Amino acid sequence: MTHRVYRMSVASVYPHYVTKAEKKGRTKAEVDQIICWLTGYDQAGLEAQIAEKTDFETFFADAPALNPSRQAITGVICGIRVEEVAEPLMREIRYLDKLIDELARGKAMEKILRG
């Protein structure tokens, strides 16, 4: 089964991540830091993926180094426990959603990045 979100471009969702963060007094730089921490992209690589309108499937498949600490991300996002998501790609997307949600809720970056 292929979920529609897999074919969505990261560029189409990224502005929503930034808006969600900025509405709560956080910054685009923090959103970028989270995405880079999770995926291993550097800033230039992230910007290139956004400019190329890469879909989520390719974005995560091509990620330079998925952070091994991401498996410490737990909790509920969209009514689903992220640690129980069976499909690997959907789990990665839910990890990202959860991290952005934590940022918007005011959690300290050190805790968001499982530091």
C-alpha atoms as a PDB file:
ATOM      1  CA  MET A   1       0.000   0.000   0.000  1.00  0.00           C
ATOM      2  CA  THR A   2       1.358   3.394  -0.971  1.00  0.00           C
ATOM      3  CA  HIS A   3       0.169   6.354   1.035  1.00  0.00           C
ATOM      4  CA  ARG A   4      -0.513   9.606  -0.784  1.00  0.00           C
ATOM      5  CA  VAL A   5       1.865  11.452   1.565  1.00  0.00           C
ATOM      6  CA  TYR A   6       4.807   9.465   0.135  1.00  0.00           C
ATOM      7  CA  ARG A   7       4.372  11.254  -3.197  1.00  0.00           C
ATOM      8  CA  MET A   8       3.848  14.695  -1.675  1.00  0.00           C
ATOM      9  CA  SER A   9       6.786  17.030  -2.050  1.00  0.00           C
ATOM     10  CA  VAL A  10       8.643  18.082   1.051  1.00  0.00           C
ATOM     11  CA  ALA A  11       8.461  21.613  -0.383  1.00  0.00           C
ATOM     12  CA  SER A  12       4.663  21.546  -0.173  1.00  0.00           C
ATOM     13  CA  VAL A  13       4.683  20.674   3.549  1.00  0.00           C
ATOM     14  CA  TYR A  14       7.795  22.554   4.669  1.00  0.00           C
ATOM     15  CA  PRO A  15       6.115  26.007   4.792  1.00  0.00           C
ATOM     16  CA  HIS A  16       3.473  24.541   7.108  1.00  0.00           C
ATOM     17  CA  TYR A  17       6.188  23.277   9.456  1.00  0.00           C
ATOM     18  CA  VAL A  18       7.759  26.743   9.504  1.00  0.00           C
ATOM     19  CA  THR A  19       4.422  28.510  10.014  1.00  0.00           C
ATOM     20  CA  LYS A  20       3.492  26.168  12.867  1.00  0.00           C
ATOM     21  CA  ALA A  21       6.817  26.881  14.570  1.00  0.00           C
ATOM     22  CA  GLU A  22       6.760  30.637  13.987  1.00  0.00           C
ATOM     23  CA  LYS A  23       3.212  30.974  15.351  1.00  0.00           C
ATOM     24  CA  LYS A  24       4.609  29.689  18.642  1.00  0.00           C
ATOM     25  CA  GLY A  25       7.645  31.974  18.666  1.00  0.00           C
ATOM     26  CA  ARG A  26      10.101  29.478  17.196  1.00  0.00           C
ATOM     27  CA  THR A  27      12.179  29.968  14.039  1.00  0.00           C
ATOM     28  CA  LYS A  28      12.712  28.578  10.550  1.00  0.00           C
ATOM     29  CA  ALA A  29      16.325  27.925  11.583  1.00  0.00           C
ATOM     30  CA  GLU A  30      15.082  25.625  14.363  1.00  0.00           C
ATOM     31  CA  VAL A  31      12.837  23.762  11.916  1.00  0.00           C
ATOM     32  CA  ASP A  32      15.837  23.323   9.608  1.00  0.00           C
ATOM     33  CA  GLN A  33      18.015  22.163  12.519  1.00  0.00           C
ATOM     34  CA  ILE A  34      15.447  19.501  13.399  1.00  0.00           C
ATOM     35  CA  ILE A  35      15.151  18.253   9.823  1.00  0.00           C
ATOM     36  CA  CYS A  36      18.931  18.169   9.399  1.00  0.00           C
ATOM     37  CA  TRP A  37      19.376  16.349  12.735  1.00  0.00           C
ATOM     38  CA  LEU A  38      16.806  13.739  11.749  1.00  0.00           C
ATOM     39  CA  THR A  39      17.998  13.124   8.192  1.00  0.00           C
ATOM     40  CA  GLY A  40      21.676  14.025   8.040  1.00  0.00           C
ATOM     41  CA  TYR A  41      21.160  16.635   5.319  1.00  0.00           C
ATOM     42  CA  ASP A  42      23.242  19.764   5.715  1.00  0.00           C
ATOM     43  CA  GLN A  43      21.578  23.146   5.136  1.00  0.00           C
ATOM     44  CA  ALA A  44      22.518  23.242   1.441  1.00  0.00           C
ATOM     45  CA  GLY A  45      21.270  19.679   0.943  1.00  0.00           C
ATOM     46  CA  LEU A  46      17.964  20.441   2.637  1.00  0.00           C
ATOM     47  CA  GLU A  47      17.490  23.569   0.538  1.00  0.00           C
ATOM     48  CA  ALA A  48      18.274  21.593  -2.628  1.00  0.00           C
ATOM     49  CA  GLN A  49      15.677  18.933  -1.747  1.00  0.00           C
ATOM     50  CA  ILE A  50      13.078  21.644  -1.178  1.00  0.00           C
ATOM     51  CA  ALA A  51      13.999  23.449  -4.418  1.00  0.00           C
ATOM     52  CA  GLU A  52      13.796  20.188  -6.387  1.00  0.00           C
ATOM     53  CA  LYS A  53      10.364  19.471  -4.876  1.00  0.00           C
ATOM     54  CA  THR A  54      11.541  16.031  -3.823  1.00  0.00           C
ATOM     55  CA  ASP A  55       8.786  13.739  -2.570  1.00  0.00           C
ATOM     56  CA  PHE A  56       8.913  12.297   0.947  1.00  0.00           C
ATOM     57  CA  GLU A  57       9.775   8.815  -0.302  1.00  0.00           C
ATOM     58  CA  THR A  58      12.853  10.055  -2.142  1.00  0.00           C
ATOM     59  CA  PHE A  59      13.711  12.583   0.581  1.00  0.00           C
ATOM     60  CA  PHE A  60      14.059   9.861   3.203  1.00  0.00           C
ATOM     61  CA  ALA A  61      15.539   7.261   0.830  1.00  0.00           C
ATOM     62  CA  ASP A  62      18.289   9.718  -0.143  1.00  0.00           C
ATOM     63  CA  ALA A  63      18.860  11.048   3.385  1.00  0.00           C
ATOM     64  CA  PRO A  64      22.602  11.045   4.029  1.00  0.00           C
ATOM     65  CA  ALA A  65      22.441   9.616   7.562  1.00  0.00           C
ATOM     66  CA  LEU A  66      19.212   9.010   9.432  1.00  0.00           C
ATOM     67  CA  ASN A  67      19.980   9.790  13.060  1.00  0.00           C
ATOM     68  CA  PRO A  68      20.065   6.610  15.158  1.00  0.00           C
ATOM     69  CA  SER A  69      18.717   8.591  18.136  1.00  0.00           C
ATOM     70  CA  ARG A  70      15.446   9.080  16.250  1.00  0.00           C
ATOM     71  CA  GLN A  71      14.289   5.750  17.638  1.00  0.00           C
ATOM     72  CA  ALA A  72      14.025   7.454  21.036  1.00  0.00           C
ATOM     73  CA  ILE A  73      11.162   9.565  19.665  1.00  0.00           C
ATOM     74  CA  THR A  74       7.935   8.400  21.245  1.00  0.00           C
ATOM     75  CA  GLY A  75       4.456   9.738  21.733  1.00  0.00           C
ATOM     76  CA  VAL A  76       1.294  10.400  19.814  1.00  0.00           C
ATOM     77  CA  ILE A  77       0.929  12.417  16.632  1.00  0.00           C
ATOM     78  CA  CYS A  78      -2.345  12.532  14.718  1.00  0.00           C
ATOM     79  CA  GLY A  79      -3.744   9.980  17.159  1.00  0.00           C
ATOM     80  CA  ILE A  80      -1.061   7.404  16.357  1.00  0.00           C
ATOM     81  CA  ARG A  81       1.829   6.306  18.566  1.00  0.00           C
ATOM     82  CA  VAL A  82       4.931   6.957  16.461  1.00  0.00           C
ATOM     83  CA  GLU A  83       6.866   4.062  17.951  1.00  0.00           C
ATOM     84  CA  GLU A  84       4.127   1.634  16.825  1.00  0.00           C
ATOM     85  CA  VAL A  85       4.008   2.665  13.154  1.00  0.00           C
ATOM     86  CA  ALA A  86       4.909  -0.484  11.225  1.00  0.00           C
ATOM     87  CA  GLU A  87       5.819   0.985   7.816  1.00  0.00           C
ATOM     88  CA  PRO A  88       9.372   2.363   7.954  1.00  0.00           C
ATOM     89  CA  LEU A  89       8.747   5.354   5.664  1.00  0.00           C
ATOM     90  CA  MET A  90       5.561   6.360   7.469  1.00  0.00           C
ATOM     91  CA  ARG A  91       7.438   6.074  10.781  1.00  0.00           C
ATOM     92  CA  GLU A  92      10.110   8.491   9.491  1.00  0.00           C
ATOM     93  CA  ILE A  93       7.438  10.973   8.418  1.00  0.00           C
ATOM     94  CA  ARG A  94       5.715  10.659  11.807  1.00  0.00           C
ATOM     95  CA  TYR A  95       9.066  11.195  13.568  1.00  0.00           C
ATOM     96  CA  LEU A  96       9.429  14.465  11.674  1.00  0.00           C
ATOM     97  CA  ASP A  97       5.851  15.485  12.481  1.00  0.00           C
ATOM     98  CA  LYS A  98       6.422  14.708  16.160  1.00  0.00           C
ATOM     99  CA  LEU A  99       9.632  16.740  16.327  1.00  0.00           C
ATOM    100  CA  ILE A 100       7.972  19.764  14.708  1.00  0.00           C
ATOM    101  CA  ASP A 101       5.056  19.391  17.111  1.00  0.00           C
ATOM    102  CA  GLU A 102       7.445  19.344  20.078  1.00  0.00           C
ATOM    103  CA  LEU A 103       9.118  22.505  18.748  1.00  0.00           C
ATOM    104  CA  ALA A 104       5.762  24.268  18.429  1.00  0.00           C
ATOM    105  CA  ARG A 105       4.849  23.225  21.966  1.00  0.00           C
ATOM    106  CA  GLY A 106       7.893  25.024  23.325  1.00  0.00           C
ATOM    107  CA  LYS A 107      10.085  22.059  24.178  1.00  0.00           C
ATOM    108  CA  ALA A 108      13.791  22.873  24.498  1.00  0.00           C
ATOM    109  CA  MET A 109      15.901  22.052  21.433  1.00  0.00           C
ATOM    110  CA  GLU A 110      18.229  19.887  23.529  1.00  0.00           C
ATOM    111  CA  LYS A 111      15.291  17.657  24.456  1.00  0.00           C
ATOM    112  CA  ILE A 112      13.807  17.673  20.945  1.00  0.00           C
ATOM    113  CA  LEU A 113      17.141  16.512  19.537  1.00  0.00           C
ATOM    114  CA  ARG A 114      17.348  13.843  22.238  1.00  0.00           C
ATOM    115  CA  GLY A 115      20.579  15.366  23.521  1.00  0.00           C
END
